[in-house]
PDB file of N, CA and C in Angstrom:
ATOM      1  N   MET A   1     119.692 103.534 100.759  1.00  0.00           N
ATOM      2  CA  MET A   1     118.965 103.071 101.706  1.00  0.00           C
ATOM      3  C   MET A   1     117.708 103.819 101.389  1.00  0.00           C
ATOM      4  N   ARG A   2     116.566 103.121 101.557  1.00  0.00           N
ATOM      5  CA  ARG A   2     115.132 103.965 101.249  1.00  0.00           C
ATOM      6  C   ARG A   2     114.311 104.260 102.490  1.00  0.00           C
ATOM      7  N   LEU A   3     113.800 105.612 102.483  1.00  0.00           N
ATOM      8  CA  LEU A   3     112.851 105.653 103.373  1.00  0.00           C
ATOM      9  C   LEU A   3     111.506 106.061 102.926  1.00  0.00           C
ATOM     10  N   LEU A   4     110.343 105.674 103.798  1.00  0.00           N
ATOM     11  CA  LEU A   4     109.263 106.548 103.420  1.00  0.00           C
ATOM     12  C   LEU A   4     109.080 107.758 103.476  1.00  0.00           C
ATOM     13  N   ARG A   5     108.897 107.966 102.173  1.00  0.00           N
ATOM     14  CA  ARG A   5     108.564 109.673 102.097  1.00  0.00           C
ATOM     15  C   ARG A   5     107.031 110.175 101.975  1.00  0.00           C
ATOM     16  N   ARG A   6     106.156 109.132 101.937  1.00  0.00           N
ATOM     17  CA  ARG A   6     104.865 109.821 101.429  1.00  0.00           C
ATOM     18  C   ARG A   6     103.701 108.518 102.446  1.00  0.00           C
ATOM     19  N   HIS A   7     102.816 108.649 103.014  1.00  0.00           N
ATOM     20  CA  HIS A   7     101.970 107.845 103.399  1.00  0.00           C
ATOM     21  C   HIS A   7     100.759 108.247 102.998  1.00  0.00           C
ATOM     22  N   ASP A   8      99.813 107.559 102.024  1.00  0.00           N
ATOM     23  CA  ASP A   8      98.095 108.346 101.604  1.00  0.00           C
ATOM     24  C   ASP A   8      97.660 107.187 102.528  1.00  0.00           C
ATOM     25  N   HIS A   9      96.472 107.813 103.014  1.00  0.00           N
ATOM     26  CA  HIS A   9      95.620 106.924 103.854  1.00  0.00           C
ATOM     27  C   HIS A   9      93.745 107.859 104.093  1.00  0.00           C
ATOM     28  N   HIS A  10      93.034 107.828 104.858  1.00  0.00           N
ATOM     29  CA  HIS A  10      91.920 107.894 105.052  1.00  0.00           C
ATOM     30  C   HIS A  10      91.638 108.525 106.439  1.00  0.00           C
ATOM     31  N   VAL A  11      91.357 109.894 106.860  1.00  0.00           N
ATOM     32  CA  VAL A  11      91.574 109.960 108.721  1.00  0.00           C
ATOM     33  C   VAL A  11      90.430 109.442 108.890  1.00  0.00           C
ATOM     34  N   ASP A  12      90.082 108.397 110.221  1.00  0.00           N
ATOM     35  CA  ASP A  12      88.650 108.168 110.527  1.00  0.00           C
ATOM     36  C   ASP A  12      88.188 109.418 111.237  1.00  0.00           C
ATOM     37  N   VAL A  13      88.514 109.747 112.182  1.00  0.00           N
ATOM     38  CA  VAL A  13      87.863 110.717 113.187  1.00  0.00           C
ATOM     39  C   VAL A  13      87.753 112.082 112.658  1.00  0.00           C
ATOM     40  N   ALA A  14      87.998 112.320 111.398  1.00  0.00           N
ATOM     41  CA  ALA A  14      87.873 113.680 110.482  1.00  0.00           C
ATOM     42  C   ALA A  14      86.970 113.088 109.058  1.00  0.00           C
ATOM     43  N   GLY A  15      86.000 112.106 109.341  1.00  0.00           N
ATOM     44  CA  GLY A  15      84.876 111.940 108.596  1.00  0.00           C
ATOM     45  C   GLY A  15      85.419 111.147 107.462  1.00  0.00           C
ATOM     46  N   GLY A  16      86.801 110.474 107.325  1.00  0.00           N
ATOM     47  CA  GLY A  16      86.877 109.254 106.247  1.00  0.00           C
ATOM     48  C   GLY A  16      87.519 110.266 105.178  1.00  0.00           C
ATOM     49  N   CYS A  17      88.019 111.544 105.346  1.00  0.00           N
ATOM     50  CA  CYS A  17      88.517 112.677 104.530  1.00  0.00           C
ATOM     51  C   CYS A  17      90.422 111.843 104.062  1.00  0.00           C
ATOM     52  N   ALA A  18      90.668 112.183 102.575  1.00  0.00           N
ATOM     53  CA  ALA A  18      91.979 111.459 102.246  1.00  0.00           C
ATOM     54  C   ALA A  18      93.048 112.494 102.857  1.00  0.00           C
ATOM     55  N   ALA A  19      94.254 111.965 103.001  1.00  0.00           N
ATOM     56  CA  ALA A  19      94.977 112.562 103.770  1.00  0.00           C
ATOM     57  C   ALA A  19      96.454 111.753 102.853  1.00  0.00           C
ATOM     58  N   ALA A  20      97.377 112.729 102.782  1.00  0.00           N
ATOM     59  CA  ALA A  20      99.043 112.337 102.547  1.00  0.00           C
ATOM     60  C   ALA A  20      99.484 113.119 103.799  1.00  0.00           C
ATOM     61  N   GLN A  21     100.563 111.828 104.207  1.00  0.00           N
ATOM     62  CA  GLN A  21     101.454 112.151 105.457  1.00  0.00           C
ATOM     63  C   GLN A  21     102.793 112.675 104.261  1.00  0.00           C
ATOM     64  N   ARG A  22     103.390 113.719 104.353  1.00  0.00           N
ATOM     65  CA  ARG A  22     105.012 113.643 103.426  1.00  0.00           C
ATOM     66  C   ARG A  22     106.178 113.862 104.587  1.00  0.00           C
ATOM     67  N   VAL A  23     107.432 113.449 104.564  1.00  0.00           N
ATOM     68  CA  VAL A  23     108.460 113.856 105.354  1.00  0.00           C
ATOM     69  C   VAL A  23     109.042 114.333 104.242  1.00  0.00           C
ATOM     70  N   ARG A  24     109.826 115.723 104.857  1.00  0.00           N
ATOM     71  CA  ARG A  24     110.671 116.362 103.968  1.00  0.00           C
ATOM     72  C   ARG A  24     112.268 116.773 104.509  1.00  0.00           C
ATOM     73  N   ALA A  25     112.481 116.362 105.850  1.00  0.00           N
ATOM     74  CA  ALA A  25     113.749 116.318 106.458  1.00  0.00           C
ATOM     75  C   ALA A  25     113.941 115.369 107.177  1.00  0.00           C
ATOM     76  N   ARG A  26     115.502 115.188 107.221  1.00  0.00           N
ATOM     77  CA  ARG A  26     115.473 113.498 108.083  1.00  0.00           C
ATOM     78  C   ARG A  26     117.355 114.241 108.643  1.00  0.00           C
ATOM     79  N   THR A  27     117.396 113.345 110.053  1.00  0.00           N
ATOM     80  CA  THR A  27     118.333 113.482 110.879  1.00  0.00           C
ATOM     81  C   THR A  27     118.979 112.432 110.878  1.00  0.00           C
ATOM     82  N   GLN A  28     119.935 112.074 111.688  1.00  0.00           N
ATOM     83  CA  GLN A  28     120.443 110.854 112.197  1.00  0.00           C
ATOM     84  C   GLN A  28     120.879 111.275 113.322  1.00  0.00           C
ATOM     85  N   ALA A  29     120.530 110.119 114.252  1.00  0.00           N
ATOM     86  CA  ALA A  29     121.280 109.786 115.800  1.00  0.00           C
ATOM     87  C   ALA A  29     121.537 108.445 115.902  1.00  0.00           C
ATOM     88  N   ALA A  30     122.360 108.393 116.650  1.00  0.00           N
ATOM     89  CA  ALA A  30     123.158 106.905 116.734  1.00  0.00           C
ATOM     90  C   ALA A  30     122.837 105.985 115.738  1.00  0.00           C
ATOM     91  N   ARG A  31     123.339 106.562 114.363  1.00  0.00           N
ATOM     92  CA  ARG A  31     123.313 105.896 112.990  1.00  0.00           C
ATOM     93  C   ARG A  31     121.894 105.361 112.702  1.00  0.00           C
ATOM     94  N   ILE A  32     120.799 106.223 113.561  1.00  0.00           N
ATOM     95  CA  ILE A  32     119.215 105.644 113.054  1.00  0.00           C
ATOM     96  C   ILE A  32     118.942 106.737 112.227  1.00  0.00           C
ATOM     97  N   VAL A  33     118.271 106.918 110.971  1.00  0.00           N
ATOM     98  CA  VAL A  33     118.092 107.940 110.163  1.00  0.00           C
ATOM     99  C   VAL A  33     116.271 108.144 110.636  1.00  0.00           C
ATOM    100  N   LEU A  34     115.941 109.357 110.861  1.00  0.00           N
ATOM    101  CA  LEU A  34     114.736 109.940 111.425  1.00  0.00           C
ATOM    102  C   LEU A  34     114.434 111.025 111.001  1.00  0.00           C
ATOM    103  N   PRO A  35     112.625 111.253 110.722  1.00  0.00           N
ATOM    104  CA  PRO A  35     112.186 112.288 109.857  1.00  0.00           C
ATOM    105  C   PRO A  35     112.138 113.529 110.813  1.00  0.00           C
ATOM    106  N   THR A  36     112.518 114.921 110.600  1.00  0.00           N
ATOM    107  CA  THR A  36     112.579 115.498 111.670  1.00  0.00           C
ATOM    108  C   THR A  36     111.279 116.459 110.971  1.00  0.00           C
ATOM    109  N   ALA A  37     110.686 116.741 109.710  1.00  0.00           N
ATOM    110  CA  ALA A  37     109.684 117.528 109.412  1.00  0.00           C
ATOM    111  C   ALA A  37     108.371 116.208 108.752  1.00  0.00           C
ATOM    112  N   ARG A  38     107.682 116.548 109.197  1.00  0.00           N
ATOM    113  CA  ARG A  38     106.400 115.954 108.567  1.00  0.00           C
ATOM    114  C   ARG A  38     104.800 116.657 108.798  1.00  0.00           C
ATOM    115  N   ARG A  39     104.602 116.546 107.641  1.00  0.00           N
ATOM    116  CA  ARG A  39     103.195 117.360 107.198  1.00  0.00           C
ATOM    117  C   ARG A  39     101.934 116.393 107.004  1.00  0.00           C
ATOM    118  N   ALA A  40     101.093 116.948 107.443  1.00  0.00           N
ATOM    119  CA  ALA A  40      99.853 115.619 106.894  1.00  0.00           C
ATOM    120  C   ALA A  40      98.743 116.928 106.183  1.00  0.00           C
ATOM    121  N   CYS A  41      98.666 116.710 104.932  1.00  0.00           N
ATOM    122  CA  CYS A  41      97.629 117.524 104.171  1.00  0.00           C
ATOM    123  C   CYS A  41      96.220 116.219 103.797  1.00  0.00           C
ATOM    124  N   ARG A  42      95.444 117.143 103.410  1.00  0.00           N
ATOM    125  CA  ARG A  42      94.386 117.039 102.745  1.00  0.00           C
ATOM    126  C   ARG A  42      94.594 116.221 101.430  1.00  0.00           C
ATOM    127  N   GLY A  43      94.032 114.961 100.867  1.00  0.00           N
ATOM    128  CA  GLY A  43      94.107 114.425  99.581  1.00  0.00           C
ATOM    129  C   GLY A  43      93.488 114.760  98.895  1.00  0.00           C
ATOM    130  N   GLY A  44      93.626 115.145  97.483  1.00  0.00           N
ATOM    131  CA  GLY A  44      92.835 115.874  96.549  1.00  0.00           C
ATOM    132  C   GLY A  44      92.417 114.641  95.481  1.00  0.00           C
ATOM    133  N   ALA A  45      91.888 115.350  94.460  1.00  0.00           N
ATOM    134  CA  ALA A  45      91.244 114.307  93.310  1.00  0.00           C
ATOM    135  C   ALA A  45      93.200 113.730  92.682  1.00  0.00           C
ATOM    136  N   GLY A  46      92.749 112.244  92.236  1.00  0.00           N
ATOM    137  CA  GLY A  46      93.775 111.897  91.513  1.00  0.00           C
ATOM    138  C   GLY A  46      94.838 111.624  92.605  1.00  0.00           C
ATOM    139  N   GLY A  47      94.301 111.492  93.493  1.00  0.00           N
ATOM    140  CA  GLY A  47      95.879 110.985  94.881  1.00  0.00           C
ATOM    141  C   GLY A  47      96.994 112.002  94.962  1.00  0.00           C
ATOM    142  N   ARG A  48      96.496 113.008  94.565  1.00  0.00           N
ATOM    143  CA  ARG A  48      97.304 114.696  94.896  1.00  0.00           C
ATOM    144  C   ARG A  48      96.994 115.055  95.982  1.00  0.00           C
ATOM    145  N   ALA A  49      98.475 115.555  97.037  1.00  0.00           N
ATOM    146  CA  ALA A  49      98.314 116.095  98.020  1.00  0.00           C
ATOM    147  C   ALA A  49      98.012 117.494  98.006  1.00  0.00           C
ATOM    148  N   LEU A  50      96.689 118.009  98.807  1.00  0.00           N
ATOM    149  CA  LEU A  50      96.650 119.735  98.666  1.00  0.00           C
ATOM    150  C   LEU A  50      97.731 120.171  99.519  1.00  0.00           C
ATOM    151  N   THR A  51      98.880 120.573  99.334  1.00  0.00           N
ATOM    152  CA  THR A  51      99.880 121.089 100.378  1.00  0.00           C
ATOM    153  C   THR A  51      99.404 122.216 100.890  1.00  0.00           C
ATOM    154  N   ASP A  52      98.242 122.988 100.078  1.00  0.00           N
ATOM    155  CA  ASP A  52      98.150 124.431 101.049  1.00  0.00           C
ATOM    156  C   ASP A  52      97.004 123.941 102.048  1.00  0.00           C
ATOM    157  N   GLN A  53      96.532 122.441 102.402  1.00  0.00           N
ATOM    158  CA  GLN A  53      95.914 122.432 103.161  1.00  0.00           C
ATOM    159  C   GLN A  53      96.169 121.345 104.153  1.00  0.00           C
ATOM    160  N   VAL A  54      97.083 122.205 105.154  1.00  0.00           N
ATOM    161  CA  VAL A  54      97.948 120.996 106.089  1.00  0.00           C
ATOM    162  C   VAL A  54      96.895 120.920 107.160  1.00  0.00           C
ATOM    163  N   MET A  55      96.768 119.458 107.542  1.00  0.00           N
ATOM    164  CA  MET A  55      96.164 119.240 108.548  1.00  0.00           C
ATOM    165  C   MET A  55      96.903 119.202 109.861  1.00  0.00           C
ATOM    166  N   VAL A  56      98.280 118.658 110.116  1.00  0.00           N
ATOM    167  CA  VAL A  56      99.178 118.658 111.108  1.00  0.00           C
ATOM    168  C   VAL A  56     100.457 118.625 110.358  1.00  0.00           C
ATOM    169  N   SER A  57     101.042 119.416 111.405  1.00  0.00           N
ATOM    170  CA  SER A  57     102.692 119.683 110.998  1.00  0.00           C
ATOM    171  C   SER A  57     103.498 119.422 112.229  1.00  0.00           C
ATOM    172  N   ILE A  58     104.601 118.864 112.264  1.00  0.00           N
ATOM    173  CA  ILE A  58     105.246 118.040 113.394  1.00  0.00           C
ATOM    174  C   ILE A  58     106.888 118.934 112.773  1.00  0.00           C
ATOM    175  N   ASP A  59     107.578 119.580 114.019  1.00  0.00           N
ATOM    176  CA  ASP A  59     109.099 119.667 113.404  1.00  0.00           C
ATOM    177  C   ASP A  59     109.616 119.057 114.796  1.00  0.00           C
ATOM    178  N   LEU A  60     110.531 118.127 114.425  1.00  0.00           N
ATOM    179  CA  LEU A  60     111.354 117.730 115.821  1.00  0.00           C
ATOM    180  C   LEU A  60     113.128 118.104 115.373  1.00  0.00           C
ATOM    181  N   GLY A  61     113.752 118.425 116.647  1.00  0.00           N
ATOM    182  CA  GLY A  61     114.762 118.979 116.634  1.00  0.00           C
ATOM    183  C   GLY A  61     115.949 118.306 117.509  1.00  0.00           C
ATOM    184  N   GLU A  62     117.269 118.270 117.953  1.00  0.00           N
ATOM    185  CA  GLU A  62     117.934 117.859 118.857  1.00  0.00           C
ATOM    186  C   GLU A  62     117.555 116.198 119.082  1.00  0.00           C
ATOM    187  N   ILE A  63     117.608 115.530 118.920  1.00  0.00           N
ATOM    188  CA  ILE A  63     117.284 114.430 118.606  1.00  0.00           C
ATOM    189  C   ILE A  63     118.604 113.932 119.291  1.00  0.00           C
ATOM    190  N   HIS A  64     118.262 112.662 120.557  1.00  0.00           N
ATOM    191  CA  HIS A  64     119.531 111.911 121.539  1.00  0.00           C
ATOM    192  C   HIS A  64     119.230 110.555 121.478  1.00  0.00           C
ATOM    193  N   PHE A  65     119.719 109.877 121.700  1.00  0.00           N
ATOM    194  CA  PHE A  65     119.457 108.612 122.416  1.00  0.00           C
ATOM    195  C   PHE A  65     120.345 108.074 123.475  1.00  0.00           C
ATOM    196  N   SER A  66     119.685 107.856 124.653  1.00  0.00           N
ATOM    197  CA  SER A  66     120.951 107.496 125.540  1.00  0.00           C
ATOM    198  C   SER A  66     120.941 106.149 126.080  1.00  0.00           C
TER     199      SER A  66
END
């Protein structure tokens, strides 16, 4: 199974700057694989993600479906 690990885009609300969203960790709940750690970093020259310039950081835990 292959999951999205990186999504490159431009952030319109931040003046159209380049960004790269990266998923670093995953968990499984009810047989569904979900990302638990997501970072949105500024994009640099040549499509490189500037990992020292984090714009958004999201960490999820204890995911359950009912």
